[in-house]
Amino acid sequence: MNEIVLNVKKREKMTKGELNSLRKSGYVPGVIYSKELDSPINFTVMETALNKLIFTSETHIVNLTFENGEEHHAIVKDVQFDPLTDKVIHVDFHAVKFGQAITVEVPVYLVGTAKGIKEGGNLMNPVTKLEIECLPRQIPEKLEIDVTDLGLNDSIFVKDLNYEGVKILNQEDTLIVTVAAKRAEEVEETEELPLDEEAAEPEVISKGKSEEDGE
């Protein structure tokens, strides 16, 4: 998988006001942690550089490079967003060791056009991410699934998937993609009954006095 270098700067713990000022200046506070580290490392990273990593559907190993040359390989573990602006306000990284397997979520990517669509079906993809376990260097950016041969009412489950060096942790009966038959539209059939001649003629209501009114 591709490795992304992210230049970061160590920081001390900050007050809420200091963190807000930091964000206004174009930086995002972050932290990296793991069992191998003596303690979590707080840092700051440029918002523009971080966004290129966060706003993507692919999974990456990140090389966090500090000013003193210190490096830590990690994966994004959690991202906090501002509820009003959707801007990233904090990011958590989990440090990885290349010889130890880790657990991570990876996006599902469908390839091809299912033949069942040409047969009048709808392609349904209820699961867009899968949880996997593998060595860091074997983390796929995405899990590609070829749906070309899927006919009408055909499905692909977790148990049907196999990737070298990757263990999928989701339940085997988890539905990934299916081609479902379209539901017939329920249309109320209204029969057009012929109207008799008397019913076809509109009733004329006179505004003048009737004979009964004159009595």
N, C-alpha and C. Protein backbone atom coordinates (compact mmCIF):
# COMPACT_ATOMS: atom_id res chain seq x y z
N MET A 1 0.84 -1.19 0.00
CA MET A 1 0.00 0.00 0.00
C MET A 1 0.88 1.24 0.00
N ASN A 2 0.30 2.36 -0.42
CA ASN A 2 1.05 3.61 -0.46
C ASN A 2 1.28 4.16 0.94
N GLU A 3 2.46 4.74 1.12
CA GLU A 3 2.80 5.38 2.39
C GLU A 3 2.80 6.88 2.20
N ILE A 4 2.15 7.58 3.12
CA ILE A 4 2.07 9.04 3.04
C ILE A 4 2.92 9.65 4.15
N VAL A 5 3.75 10.62 3.79
CA VAL A 5 4.57 11.33 4.77
C VAL A 5 3.81 12.57 5.24
N LEU A 6 3.68 12.71 6.55
CA LEU A 6 2.98 13.84 7.13
C LEU A 6 3.92 14.53 8.12
N ASN A 7 4.28 15.76 7.82
CA ASN A 7 5.18 16.52 8.70
C ASN A 7 4.39 17.10 9.87
N VAL A 8 4.84 16.80 11.08
CA VAL A 8 4.13 17.23 12.28
C VAL A 8 5.11 17.87 13.26
N LYS A 9 4.55 18.56 14.26
CA LYS A 9 5.36 19.24 15.26
C LYS A 9 4.84 18.90 16.65
N LYS A 10 5.74 18.48 17.53
CA LYS A 10 5.32 18.13 18.89
C LYS A 10 4.77 19.35 19.61
N ARG A 11 3.83 19.10 20.50
CA ARG A 11 3.23 20.18 21.28
C ARG A 11 2.98 19.69 22.70
N GLU A 12 2.86 20.64 23.60
CA GLU A 12 2.47 20.32 24.97
C GLU A 12 0.95 20.31 25.05
N LYS A 13 0.42 19.82 26.17
CA LYS A 13 -1.03 19.87 26.36
C LYS A 13 -1.46 21.33 26.37
N MET A 14 -2.61 21.59 25.74
CA MET A 14 -3.05 22.96 25.56
C MET A 14 -4.44 23.16 26.14
N THR A 15 -4.75 24.41 26.50
CA THR A 15 -6.09 24.73 26.99
C THR A 15 -7.05 24.80 25.81
N LYS A 16 -8.34 24.85 26.11
CA LYS A 16 -9.35 24.93 25.06
C LYS A 16 -9.15 26.18 24.20
N GLY A 17 -8.84 27.29 24.86
CA GLY A 17 -8.62 28.53 24.12
C GLY A 17 -7.41 28.44 23.21
N GLU A 18 -6.34 27.82 23.71
CA GLU A 18 -5.13 27.67 22.90
C GLU A 18 -5.39 26.76 21.69
N LEU A 19 -6.19 25.72 21.90
CA LEU A 19 -6.52 24.81 20.80
C LEU A 19 -7.33 25.53 19.73
N ASN A 20 -8.27 26.37 20.17
CA ASN A 20 -9.08 27.12 19.21
C ASN A 20 -8.22 28.09 18.40
N SER A 21 -7.27 28.73 19.06
CA SER A 21 -6.36 29.65 18.36
C SER A 21 -5.50 28.88 17.36
N LEU A 22 -5.10 27.68 17.76
CA LEU A 22 -4.30 26.83 16.88
C LEU A 22 -5.06 26.50 15.60
N ARG A 23 -6.32 26.15 15.76
CA ARG A 23 -7.16 25.79 14.61
C ARG A 23 -7.39 26.99 13.69
N LYS A 24 -7.57 28.17 14.29
CA LYS A 24 -7.79 29.37 13.49
C LYS A 24 -6.56 29.72 12.65
N SER A 25 -5.40 29.29 13.10
CA SER A 25 -4.17 29.58 12.37
C SER A 25 -3.86 28.53 11.31
N GLY A 26 -4.79 27.56 11.12
CA GLY A 26 -4.62 26.60 10.04
C GLY A 26 -3.98 25.29 10.44
N TYR A 27 -3.95 25.01 11.74
CA TYR A 27 -3.36 23.76 12.22
C TYR A 27 -4.41 22.92 12.96
N VAL A 28 -4.15 21.62 13.02
CA VAL A 28 -5.06 20.69 13.70
C VAL A 28 -4.27 19.95 14.78
N PRO A 29 -4.81 19.89 16.01
CA PRO A 29 -4.14 19.12 17.05
C PRO A 29 -4.35 17.62 16.84
N GLY A 30 -3.33 16.85 17.17
CA GLY A 30 -3.43 15.41 17.02
C GLY A 30 -2.67 14.69 18.11
N VAL A 31 -2.80 13.37 18.12
CA VAL A 31 -2.09 12.55 19.10
C VAL A 31 -1.79 11.20 18.46
N ILE A 32 -0.66 10.61 18.84
CA ILE A 32 -0.32 9.26 18.40
C ILE A 32 -0.07 8.42 19.65
N TYR A 33 -0.60 7.21 19.64
CA TYR A 33 -0.44 6.35 20.82
C TYR A 33 -0.32 4.89 20.38
N SER A 34 0.19 4.07 21.28
CA SER A 34 0.25 2.62 21.11
C SER A 34 0.87 2.03 22.37
N LYS A 35 0.81 0.71 22.49
CA LYS A 35 1.39 0.05 23.65
C LYS A 35 2.91 0.19 23.67
N GLU A 36 3.49 0.33 22.47
CA GLU A 36 4.94 0.40 22.37
C GLU A 36 5.49 1.77 22.81
N LEU A 37 4.66 2.80 22.78
CA LEU A 37 5.11 4.13 23.18
C LEU A 37 5.01 4.28 24.69
N ASP A 38 5.98 4.96 25.28
CA ASP A 38 5.95 5.17 26.73
C ASP A 38 4.73 5.99 27.13
N SER A 39 4.37 6.94 26.29
CA SER A 39 3.20 7.79 26.54
C SER A 39 2.74 8.37 25.21
N PRO A 40 1.48 8.78 25.13
CA PRO A 40 0.99 9.39 23.88
C PRO A 40 1.80 10.64 23.53
N ILE A 41 1.95 10.88 22.24
CA ILE A 41 2.69 12.06 21.77
C ILE A 41 1.70 13.04 21.14
N ASN A 42 1.60 14.23 21.72
CA ASN A 42 0.74 15.27 21.16
C ASN A 42 1.50 16.04 20.09
N PHE A 43 0.79 16.41 19.03
CA PHE A 43 1.44 17.14 17.94
C PHE A 43 0.44 18.04 17.23
N THR A 44 0.96 18.87 16.33
CA THR A 44 0.12 19.68 15.46
C THR A 44 0.49 19.36 14.01
N VAL A 45 -0.47 19.50 13.13
CA VAL A 45 -0.26 19.22 11.71
C VAL A 45 -1.03 20.25 10.89
N MET A 46 -0.49 20.64 9.75
CA MET A 46 -1.18 21.60 8.90
C MET A 46 -2.50 21.01 8.41
N GLU A 47 -3.55 21.80 8.50
CA GLU A 47 -4.89 21.34 8.10
C GLU A 47 -4.92 20.92 6.64
N THR A 48 -4.29 21.69 5.77
CA THR A 48 -4.33 21.38 4.33
C THR A 48 -3.66 20.04 4.03
N ALA A 49 -2.56 19.76 4.71
CA ALA A 49 -1.86 18.49 4.50
C ALA A 49 -2.68 17.33 5.05
N LEU A 50 -3.31 17.54 6.19
CA LEU A 50 -4.10 16.47 6.82
C LEU A 50 -5.34 16.15 5.99
N ASN A 51 -5.96 17.17 5.41
CA ASN A 51 -7.18 16.95 4.63
C ASN A 51 -6.97 16.00 3.46
N LYS A 52 -5.78 16.05 2.86
CA LYS A 52 -5.48 15.16 1.74
C LYS A 52 -5.50 13.70 2.18
N LEU A 53 -5.23 13.47 3.45
CA LEU A 53 -5.24 12.12 3.99
C LEU A 53 -6.64 11.72 4.46
N ILE A 54 -7.32 12.65 5.11
CA ILE A 54 -8.62 12.34 5.72
C ILE A 54 -9.71 12.19 4.68
N PHE A 55 -9.77 13.12 3.72
CA PHE A 55 -10.87 13.12 2.77
C PHE A 55 -10.55 12.26 1.55
N THR A 56 -10.35 10.98 1.81
CA THR A 56 -10.14 9.99 0.77
C THR A 56 -10.77 8.69 1.23
N SER A 57 -11.20 7.88 0.29
CA SER A 57 -11.85 6.62 0.63
C SER A 57 -10.84 5.50 0.85
N GLU A 58 -9.56 5.77 0.57
CA GLU A 58 -8.55 4.73 0.66
C GLU A 58 -7.86 4.74 2.02
N THR A 59 -7.25 3.60 2.37
CA THR A 59 -6.54 3.45 3.63
C THR A 59 -5.04 3.55 3.38
N HIS A 60 -4.34 4.26 4.25
CA HIS A 60 -2.90 4.47 4.06
C HIS A 60 -2.13 4.26 5.37
N ILE A 61 -0.89 3.84 5.23
CA ILE A 61 0.07 3.92 6.32
C ILE A 61 0.66 5.32 6.27
N VAL A 62 0.73 5.98 7.43
CA VAL A 62 1.22 7.35 7.48
C VAL A 62 2.56 7.38 8.22
N ASN A 63 3.51 8.05 7.63
CA ASN A 63 4.81 8.26 8.26
C ASN A 63 4.78 9.64 8.91
N LEU A 64 4.53 9.67 10.21
CA LEU A 64 4.53 10.94 10.94
C LEU A 64 5.97 11.34 11.20
N THR A 65 6.39 12.43 10.57
CA THR A 65 7.78 12.88 10.66
C THR A 65 7.85 14.17 11.47
N PHE A 66 8.59 14.11 12.58
CA PHE A 66 8.71 15.26 13.47
C PHE A 66 9.91 16.12 13.08
N GLU A 67 9.94 17.35 13.61
CA GLU A 67 10.99 18.31 13.26
C GLU A 67 12.39 17.80 13.59
N ASN A 68 12.51 17.00 14.65
CA ASN A 68 13.82 16.50 15.07
C ASN A 68 14.25 15.25 14.31
N GLY A 69 13.46 14.86 13.30
CA GLY A 69 13.79 13.68 12.51
C GLY A 69 13.16 12.39 13.01
N GLU A 70 12.53 12.46 14.16
CA GLU A 70 11.84 11.28 14.72
C GLU A 70 10.68 10.88 13.80
N GLU A 71 10.52 9.58 13.59
CA GLU A 71 9.45 9.09 12.71
C GLU A 71 8.64 8.01 13.42
N HIS A 72 7.35 8.02 13.14
CA HIS A 72 6.45 6.98 13.64
C HIS A 72 5.49 6.59 12.52
N HIS A 73 5.43 5.31 12.21
CA HIS A 73 4.46 4.83 11.23
C HIS A 73 3.14 4.55 11.96
N ALA A 74 2.05 4.98 11.35
CA ALA A 74 0.77 4.89 12.05
C ALA A 74 -0.38 4.83 11.05
N ILE A 75 -1.56 4.55 11.58
CA ILE A 75 -2.80 4.61 10.81
C ILE A 75 -3.76 5.54 11.53
N VAL A 76 -4.65 6.15 10.78
CA VAL A 76 -5.67 7.02 11.38
C VAL A 76 -6.65 6.15 12.17
N LYS A 77 -6.85 6.49 13.42
CA LYS A 77 -7.74 5.71 14.28
C LYS A 77 -9.06 6.43 14.53
N ASP A 78 -9.01 7.76 14.64
CA ASP A 78 -10.24 8.50 14.91
C ASP A 78 -10.08 9.94 14.43
N VAL A 79 -11.17 10.49 13.91
CA VAL A 79 -11.17 11.87 13.43
C VAL A 79 -12.39 12.57 14.00
N GLN A 80 -12.19 13.77 14.56
CA GLN A 80 -13.29 14.56 15.08
C GLN A 80 -13.53 15.74 14.14
N PHE A 81 -14.82 15.99 13.86
CA PHE A 81 -15.20 17.07 12.95
C PHE A 81 -16.03 18.12 13.69
N ASP A 82 -15.91 19.35 13.25
CA ASP A 82 -16.78 20.41 13.76
C ASP A 82 -18.18 20.17 13.21
N PRO A 83 -19.21 20.10 14.07
CA PRO A 83 -20.56 19.78 13.61
C PRO A 83 -21.17 20.84 12.69
N LEU A 84 -20.65 22.05 12.73
CA LEU A 84 -21.21 23.13 11.90
C LEU A 84 -20.46 23.30 10.59
N THR A 85 -19.14 23.18 10.63
CA THR A 85 -18.34 23.45 9.44
C THR A 85 -17.80 22.19 8.77
N ASP A 86 -17.86 21.05 9.47
CA ASP A 86 -17.30 19.78 8.97
C ASP A 86 -15.78 19.82 8.84
N LYS A 87 -15.14 20.81 9.43
CA LYS A 87 -13.68 20.88 9.42
C LYS A 87 -13.12 19.91 10.45
N VAL A 88 -11.95 19.34 10.16
CA VAL A 88 -11.29 18.44 11.10
C VAL A 88 -10.78 19.26 12.28
N ILE A 89 -11.13 18.85 13.51
CA ILE A 89 -10.69 19.58 14.70
C ILE A 89 -9.75 18.76 15.58
N HIS A 90 -9.65 17.45 15.32
CA HIS A 90 -8.70 16.62 16.07
C HIS A 90 -8.55 15.29 15.35
N VAL A 91 -7.34 14.72 15.44
CA VAL A 91 -7.09 13.43 14.79
C VAL A 91 -6.26 12.55 15.72
N ASP A 92 -6.64 11.27 15.79
CA ASP A 92 -5.90 10.27 16.57
C ASP A 92 -5.22 9.30 15.62
N PHE A 93 -3.94 9.01 15.89
CA PHE A 93 -3.21 8.00 15.13
C PHE A 93 -2.82 6.86 16.06
N HIS A 94 -2.78 5.66 15.50
CA HIS A 94 -2.30 4.50 16.26
C HIS A 94 -1.01 4.02 15.61
N ALA A 95 0.07 4.01 16.38
CA ALA A 95 1.38 3.59 15.86
C ALA A 95 1.36 2.10 15.52
N VAL A 96 2.06 1.72 14.47
CA VAL A 96 2.10 0.32 14.04
C VAL A 96 3.55 -0.15 13.96
N LYS A 97 3.72 -1.46 14.14
CA LYS A 97 5.02 -2.10 13.93
C LYS A 97 4.86 -3.04 12.75
N PHE A 98 5.76 -2.98 11.80
CA PHE A 98 5.58 -3.71 10.55
C PHE A 98 5.56 -5.22 10.73
N GLY A 99 6.07 -5.73 11.83
CA GLY A 99 6.06 -7.18 12.04
C GLY A 99 4.86 -7.67 12.82
N GLN A 100 3.96 -6.76 13.22
CA GLN A 100 2.80 -7.13 14.02
C GLN A 100 1.51 -6.85 13.26
N ALA A 101 0.60 -7.83 13.27
CA ALA A 101 -0.69 -7.66 12.59
C ALA A 101 -1.53 -6.62 13.32
N ILE A 102 -2.31 -5.87 12.56
CA ILE A 102 -3.19 -4.86 13.13
C ILE A 102 -4.59 -5.02 12.55
N THR A 103 -5.55 -4.40 13.21
CA THR A 103 -6.94 -4.42 12.76
C THR A 103 -7.30 -3.04 12.22
N VAL A 104 -7.90 -3.02 11.04
CA VAL A 104 -8.23 -1.75 10.41
C VAL A 104 -9.43 -1.93 9.49
N GLU A 105 -10.18 -0.84 9.27
CA GLU A 105 -11.30 -0.86 8.32
C GLU A 105 -10.80 -0.43 6.95
N VAL A 106 -11.25 -1.16 5.93
CA VAL A 106 -10.84 -0.87 4.56
C VAL A 106 -12.09 -0.75 3.68
N PRO A 107 -12.15 0.23 2.78
CA PRO A 107 -13.34 0.40 1.93
C PRO A 107 -13.48 -0.71 0.89
N VAL A 108 -14.73 -1.02 0.56
CA VAL A 108 -15.05 -1.98 -0.49
C VAL A 108 -15.22 -1.22 -1.80
N TYR A 109 -14.64 -1.75 -2.88
CA TYR A 109 -14.70 -1.09 -4.18
C TYR A 109 -15.20 -2.09 -5.21
N LEU A 110 -16.37 -1.81 -5.79
CA LEU A 110 -16.97 -2.72 -6.76
C LEU A 110 -16.41 -2.45 -8.15
N VAL A 111 -16.06 -3.53 -8.85
CA VAL A 111 -15.48 -3.43 -10.18
C VAL A 111 -16.38 -4.11 -11.20
N GLY A 112 -16.60 -3.46 -12.34
CA GLY A 112 -17.40 -4.05 -13.41
C GLY A 112 -18.88 -3.73 -13.30
N THR A 113 -19.62 -4.17 -14.31
CA THR A 113 -21.07 -3.99 -14.35
C THR A 113 -21.73 -5.36 -14.28
N ALA A 114 -22.54 -5.57 -13.27
CA ALA A 114 -23.19 -6.87 -13.08
C ALA A 114 -24.15 -7.16 -14.24
N LYS A 115 -24.08 -8.40 -14.75
CA LYS A 115 -24.96 -8.76 -15.87
C LYS A 115 -26.42 -8.76 -15.43
N GLY A 116 -26.66 -8.90 -14.13
CA GLY A 116 -28.02 -8.87 -13.62
C GLY A 116 -28.70 -7.53 -13.80
N ILE A 117 -27.90 -6.47 -13.91
CA ILE A 117 -28.48 -5.15 -14.15
C ILE A 117 -29.11 -5.10 -15.53
N LYS A 118 -28.44 -5.74 -16.50
CA LYS A 118 -28.99 -5.78 -17.86
C LYS A 118 -30.24 -6.64 -17.92
N GLU A 119 -30.41 -7.50 -16.90
CA GLU A 119 -31.60 -8.35 -16.84
C GLU A 119 -32.73 -7.68 -16.07
N GLY A 120 -32.52 -6.42 -15.71
CA GLY A 120 -33.57 -5.66 -15.04
C GLY A 120 -33.44 -5.58 -13.54
N GLY A 121 -32.28 -5.96 -13.00
CA GLY A 121 -32.10 -5.94 -11.55
C GLY A 121 -31.48 -4.65 -11.03
N ASN A 122 -31.50 -4.51 -9.71
CA ASN A 122 -30.89 -3.38 -9.03
C ASN A 122 -29.68 -3.86 -8.24
N LEU A 123 -28.54 -3.21 -8.39
CA LEU A 123 -27.35 -3.57 -7.64
C LEU A 123 -27.42 -2.91 -6.26
N MET A 124 -27.32 -3.72 -5.22
CA MET A 124 -27.39 -3.22 -3.85
C MET A 124 -26.08 -3.55 -3.14
N ASN A 125 -25.52 -2.55 -2.47
CA ASN A 125 -24.22 -2.69 -1.80
C ASN A 125 -24.34 -2.21 -0.35
N PRO A 126 -24.94 -3.04 0.53
CA PRO A 126 -25.22 -2.61 1.90
C PRO A 126 -23.98 -2.39 2.76
N VAL A 127 -22.86 -3.02 2.40
CA VAL A 127 -21.63 -2.89 3.19
C VAL A 127 -20.56 -2.21 2.34
N THR A 128 -20.06 -1.08 2.81
CA THR A 128 -19.07 -0.32 2.04
C THR A 128 -17.68 -0.37 2.68
N LYS A 129 -17.58 -0.93 3.89
CA LYS A 129 -16.29 -1.09 4.56
C LYS A 129 -16.25 -2.44 5.25
N LEU A 130 -15.05 -3.03 5.32
CA LEU A 130 -14.87 -4.29 6.02
C LEU A 130 -13.72 -4.15 7.01
N GLU A 131 -13.84 -4.85 8.12
CA GLU A 131 -12.78 -4.85 9.13
C GLU A 131 -11.85 -6.02 8.84
N ILE A 132 -10.55 -5.73 8.74
CA ILE A 132 -9.60 -6.77 8.40
C ILE A 132 -8.45 -6.80 9.40
N GLU A 133 -7.72 -7.91 9.36
CA GLU A 133 -6.51 -8.05 10.17
C GLU A 133 -5.38 -8.49 9.25
N CYS A 134 -4.26 -7.78 9.31
CA CYS A 134 -3.11 -8.13 8.47
C CYS A 134 -1.89 -7.35 8.94
N LEU A 135 -0.76 -7.64 8.34
CA LEU A 135 0.45 -6.88 8.63
C LEU A 135 0.33 -5.49 7.99
N PRO A 136 0.91 -4.48 8.62
CA PRO A 136 0.76 -3.11 8.11
C PRO A 136 1.10 -2.93 6.64
N ARG A 137 2.18 -3.55 6.17
CA ARG A 137 2.57 -3.37 4.78
C ARG A 137 1.65 -4.11 3.81
N GLN A 138 0.77 -4.96 4.33
CA GLN A 138 -0.15 -5.70 3.47
C GLN A 138 -1.56 -5.11 3.49
N ILE A 139 -1.73 -3.99 4.17
CA ILE A 139 -3.06 -3.35 4.20
C ILE A 139 -3.41 -2.88 2.80
N PRO A 140 -4.49 -3.38 2.22
CA PRO A 140 -4.89 -2.89 0.89
C PRO A 140 -5.53 -1.51 1.00
N GLU A 141 -5.32 -0.68 -0.01
CA GLU A 141 -5.96 0.63 -0.02
C GLU A 141 -7.47 0.47 -0.09
N LYS A 142 -7.92 -0.57 -0.79
CA LYS A 142 -9.34 -0.89 -0.89
C LYS A 142 -9.46 -2.37 -1.26
N LEU A 143 -10.62 -2.94 -0.97
CA LEU A 143 -10.89 -4.34 -1.31
C LEU A 143 -11.73 -4.36 -2.58
N GLU A 144 -11.12 -4.74 -3.68
CA GLU A 144 -11.84 -4.77 -4.96
C GLU A 144 -12.65 -6.06 -5.08
N ILE A 145 -13.89 -5.91 -5.52
CA ILE A 145 -14.79 -7.05 -5.73
C ILE A 145 -15.36 -6.96 -7.13
N ASP A 146 -15.09 -7.97 -7.95
CA ASP A 146 -15.59 -8.00 -9.33
C ASP A 146 -17.03 -8.51 -9.34
N VAL A 147 -17.95 -7.67 -9.81
CA VAL A 147 -19.36 -8.04 -9.81
C VAL A 147 -19.86 -8.37 -11.21
N THR A 148 -18.95 -8.46 -12.18
CA THR A 148 -19.34 -8.66 -13.58
C THR A 148 -20.24 -9.86 -13.78
N ASP A 149 -19.95 -10.98 -13.12
CA ASP A 149 -20.69 -12.23 -13.34
C ASP A 149 -21.94 -12.36 -12.47
N LEU A 150 -22.26 -11.35 -11.69
CA LEU A 150 -23.44 -11.42 -10.83
C LEU A 150 -24.71 -11.31 -11.67
N GLY A 151 -25.52 -12.38 -11.64
CA GLY A 151 -26.79 -12.35 -12.34
C GLY A 151 -27.91 -11.93 -11.42
N LEU A 152 -29.11 -11.97 -11.92
CA LEU A 152 -30.28 -11.58 -11.14
C LEU A 152 -30.40 -12.49 -9.92
N ASN A 153 -30.55 -11.89 -8.74
CA ASN A 153 -30.69 -12.58 -7.46
C ASN A 153 -29.40 -13.25 -6.98
N ASP A 154 -28.28 -12.96 -7.64
CA ASP A 154 -26.98 -13.46 -7.17
C ASP A 154 -26.43 -12.51 -6.09
N SER A 155 -25.62 -13.07 -5.18
CA SER A 155 -25.07 -12.27 -4.08
C SER A 155 -23.63 -12.67 -3.80
N ILE A 156 -22.92 -11.78 -3.14
CA ILE A 156 -21.58 -12.06 -2.65
C ILE A 156 -21.55 -11.78 -1.16
N PHE A 157 -21.07 -12.78 -0.40
CA PHE A 157 -20.98 -12.67 1.05
C PHE A 157 -19.50 -12.63 1.46
N VAL A 158 -19.25 -12.32 2.72
CA VAL A 158 -17.88 -12.30 3.23
C VAL A 158 -17.19 -13.63 2.98
N LYS A 159 -17.93 -14.73 3.15
CA LYS A 159 -17.33 -16.07 2.97
C LYS A 159 -16.85 -16.31 1.54
N ASP A 160 -17.31 -15.50 0.59
CA ASP A 160 -16.91 -15.67 -0.81
C ASP A 160 -15.62 -14.92 -1.14
N LEU A 161 -15.14 -14.12 -0.21
CA LEU A 161 -13.98 -13.27 -0.48
C LEU A 161 -12.69 -13.92 0.01
N ASN A 162 -11.63 -13.69 -0.72
CA ASN A 162 -10.33 -14.25 -0.34
C ASN A 162 -9.21 -13.32 -0.84
N TYR A 163 -8.44 -12.78 0.09
CA TYR A 163 -7.33 -11.90 -0.25
C TYR A 163 -6.07 -12.40 0.44
N GLU A 164 -5.00 -12.49 -0.29
CA GLU A 164 -3.75 -13.01 0.25
C GLU A 164 -3.23 -12.13 1.38
N GLY A 165 -2.95 -12.76 2.51
CA GLY A 165 -2.38 -12.05 3.65
C GLY A 165 -3.37 -11.23 4.44
N VAL A 166 -4.65 -11.33 4.10
CA VAL A 166 -5.69 -10.53 4.75
C VAL A 166 -6.76 -11.43 5.34
N LYS A 167 -7.09 -11.21 6.60
CA LYS A 167 -8.17 -11.94 7.26
C LYS A 167 -9.33 -10.97 7.49
N ILE A 168 -10.49 -11.31 6.94
CA ILE A 168 -11.68 -10.46 7.13
C ILE A 168 -12.36 -10.87 8.43
N LEU A 169 -12.61 -9.90 9.30
CA LEU A 169 -13.14 -10.18 10.63
C LEU A 169 -14.66 -10.12 10.70
N ASN A 170 -15.31 -9.59 9.69
CA ASN A 170 -16.78 -9.56 9.68
C ASN A 170 -17.32 -10.98 9.60
N GLN A 171 -18.56 -11.17 10.06
CA GLN A 171 -19.18 -12.49 10.02
C GLN A 171 -19.28 -12.99 8.59
N GLU A 172 -19.11 -14.31 8.42
CA GLU A 172 -19.06 -14.90 7.08
C GLU A 172 -20.35 -14.70 6.30
N ASP A 173 -21.49 -14.60 7.00
CA ASP A 173 -22.77 -14.46 6.30
C ASP A 173 -23.13 -13.00 6.04
N THR A 174 -22.18 -12.09 6.24
CA THR A 174 -22.43 -10.67 5.97
C THR A 174 -22.57 -10.45 4.46
N LEU A 175 -23.71 -9.87 4.06
CA LEU A 175 -23.96 -9.60 2.65
C LEU A 175 -23.19 -8.37 2.20
N ILE A 176 -22.41 -8.53 1.14
CA ILE A 176 -21.62 -7.42 0.61
C ILE A 176 -22.34 -6.75 -0.55
N VAL A 177 -22.77 -7.54 -1.52
CA VAL A 177 -23.43 -6.98 -2.70
C VAL A 177 -24.39 -8.02 -3.26
N THR A 178 -25.49 -7.55 -3.82
CA THR A 178 -26.47 -8.43 -4.43
C THR A 178 -27.16 -7.72 -5.58
N VAL A 179 -27.69 -8.51 -6.52
CA VAL A 179 -28.49 -7.96 -7.61
C VAL A 179 -29.92 -8.40 -7.36
N ALA A 180 -30.74 -7.48 -6.90
CA ALA A 180 -32.12 -7.79 -6.54
C ALA A 180 -33.06 -7.45 -7.69
N ALA A 181 -34.10 -8.28 -7.82
CA ALA A 181 -35.11 -8.03 -8.85
C ALA A 181 -35.89 -6.78 -8.49
N LYS A 182 -36.22 -5.99 -9.49
CA LYS A 182 -37.00 -4.78 -9.25
C LYS A 182 -38.41 -5.15 -8.83
N ARG A 183 -38.95 -4.40 -7.89
CA ARG A 183 -40.32 -4.64 -7.46
C ARG A 183 -41.29 -4.10 -8.52
N ALA A 184 -42.32 -4.92 -8.82
CA ALA A 184 -43.32 -4.47 -9.78
C ALA A 184 -44.11 -3.32 -9.16
N GLU A 185 -44.28 -2.29 -9.93
CA GLU A 185 -45.03 -1.13 -9.42
C GLU A 185 -46.49 -1.51 -9.23
N GLU A 186 -46.98 -1.20 -8.07
CA GLU A 186 -48.38 -1.49 -7.78
C GLU A 186 -49.23 -0.34 -8.31
N VAL A 187 -49.86 -0.63 -9.40
CA VAL A 187 -50.69 0.39 -10.03
C VAL A 187 -52.15 -0.02 -9.90
N GLU A 188 -52.96 0.86 -9.37
CA GLU A 188 -54.39 0.57 -9.23
C GLU A 188 -55.05 0.62 -10.61
N GLU A 189 -55.68 -0.50 -10.96
CA GLU A 189 -56.35 -0.57 -12.25
C GLU A 189 -57.75 0.03 -12.13
N THR A 190 -57.95 1.07 -12.86
CA THR A 190 -59.26 1.71 -12.84
C THR A 190 -59.93 1.48 -14.19
N GLU A 191 -61.01 0.75 -14.16
CA GLU A 191 -61.72 0.46 -15.41
C GLU A 191 -62.55 1.67 -15.81
N GLU A 192 -62.47 2.04 -17.07
CA GLU A 192 -63.25 3.16 -17.58
C GLU A 192 -64.59 2.61 -18.05
N LEU A 193 -65.58 2.73 -17.19
CA LEU A 193 -66.91 2.23 -17.52
C LEU A 193 -67.63 3.24 -18.41
N PRO A 194 -68.34 2.78 -19.46
CA PRO A 194 -69.08 3.71 -20.34
C PRO A 194 -70.22 4.36 -19.58
N LEU A 195 -70.33 5.66 -19.74
CA LEU A 195 -71.41 6.39 -19.09
C LEU A 195 -72.66 6.32 -19.94
N ASP A 196 -73.88 6.15 -19.30
CA ASP A 196 -75.11 6.18 -20.08
C ASP A 196 -75.40 7.62 -20.47
N GLU A 197 -76.25 7.78 -21.42
CA GLU A 197 -76.49 9.10 -21.99
C GLU A 197 -77.01 10.08 -20.96
N GLU A 198 -77.87 9.58 -20.04
CA GLU A 198 -78.44 10.49 -19.06
C GLU A 198 -77.37 10.97 -18.09
N ALA A 199 -76.50 10.06 -17.70
CA ALA A 199 -75.46 10.43 -16.75
C ALA A 199 -74.42 11.33 -17.39
N ALA A 200 -74.30 11.22 -18.72
CA ALA A 200 -73.28 11.99 -19.41
C ALA A 200 -73.64 13.45 -19.51
N GLU A 201 -74.95 13.75 -19.47
CA GLU A 201 -75.37 15.14 -19.61
C GLU A 201 -75.31 15.83 -18.26
N PRO A 202 -74.71 17.00 -18.19
CA PRO A 202 -74.61 17.70 -16.91
C PRO A 202 -75.96 18.22 -16.46
N GLU A 203 -76.13 18.28 -15.14
CA GLU A 203 -77.37 18.79 -14.57
C GLU A 203 -77.35 20.30 -14.66
N VAL A 204 -78.44 20.87 -15.17
CA VAL A 204 -78.54 22.31 -15.31
C VAL A 204 -79.29 22.87 -14.12
N ILE A 205 -78.66 23.79 -13.42
CA ILE A 205 -79.29 24.40 -12.24
C ILE A 205 -79.70 25.80 -12.61
N SER A 206 -81.00 26.05 -12.54
CA SER A 206 -81.53 27.36 -12.92
C SER A 206 -81.43 28.34 -11.77
N LYS A 207 -81.04 29.57 -12.11
CA LYS A 207 -80.95 30.60 -11.10
C LYS A 207 -82.28 31.32 -10.92
N GLY A 208 -83.22 31.09 -11.88
CA GLY A 208 -84.51 31.75 -11.78
C GLY A 208 -85.45 31.00 -10.86
N LYS A 209 -86.68 31.50 -10.69
CA LYS A 209 -87.66 30.83 -9.85
C LYS A 209 -88.23 29.63 -10.55
N SER A 210 -88.35 28.56 -9.86
CA SER A 210 -89.00 27.38 -10.41
C SER A 210 -90.48 27.51 -10.19
N GLU A 211 -91.24 26.59 -10.78
CA GLU A 211 -92.69 26.64 -10.61
C GLU A 211 -93.05 26.46 -9.16
N GLU A 212 -92.25 25.63 -8.44
CA GLU A 212 -92.55 25.40 -7.03
C GLU A 212 -92.27 26.66 -6.24
N ASP A 213 -91.22 27.42 -6.66
CA ASP A 213 -90.90 28.64 -5.94
C ASP A 213 -92.02 29.67 -6.07
N GLY A 214 -92.77 29.60 -7.18
CA GLY A 214 -93.81 30.61 -7.41
C GLY A 214 -95.08 30.30 -6.67
N GLU A 215 -95.18 29.13 -6.10
CA GLU A 215 -96.43 28.80 -5.42
C GLU A 215 -96.50 29.48 -4.06
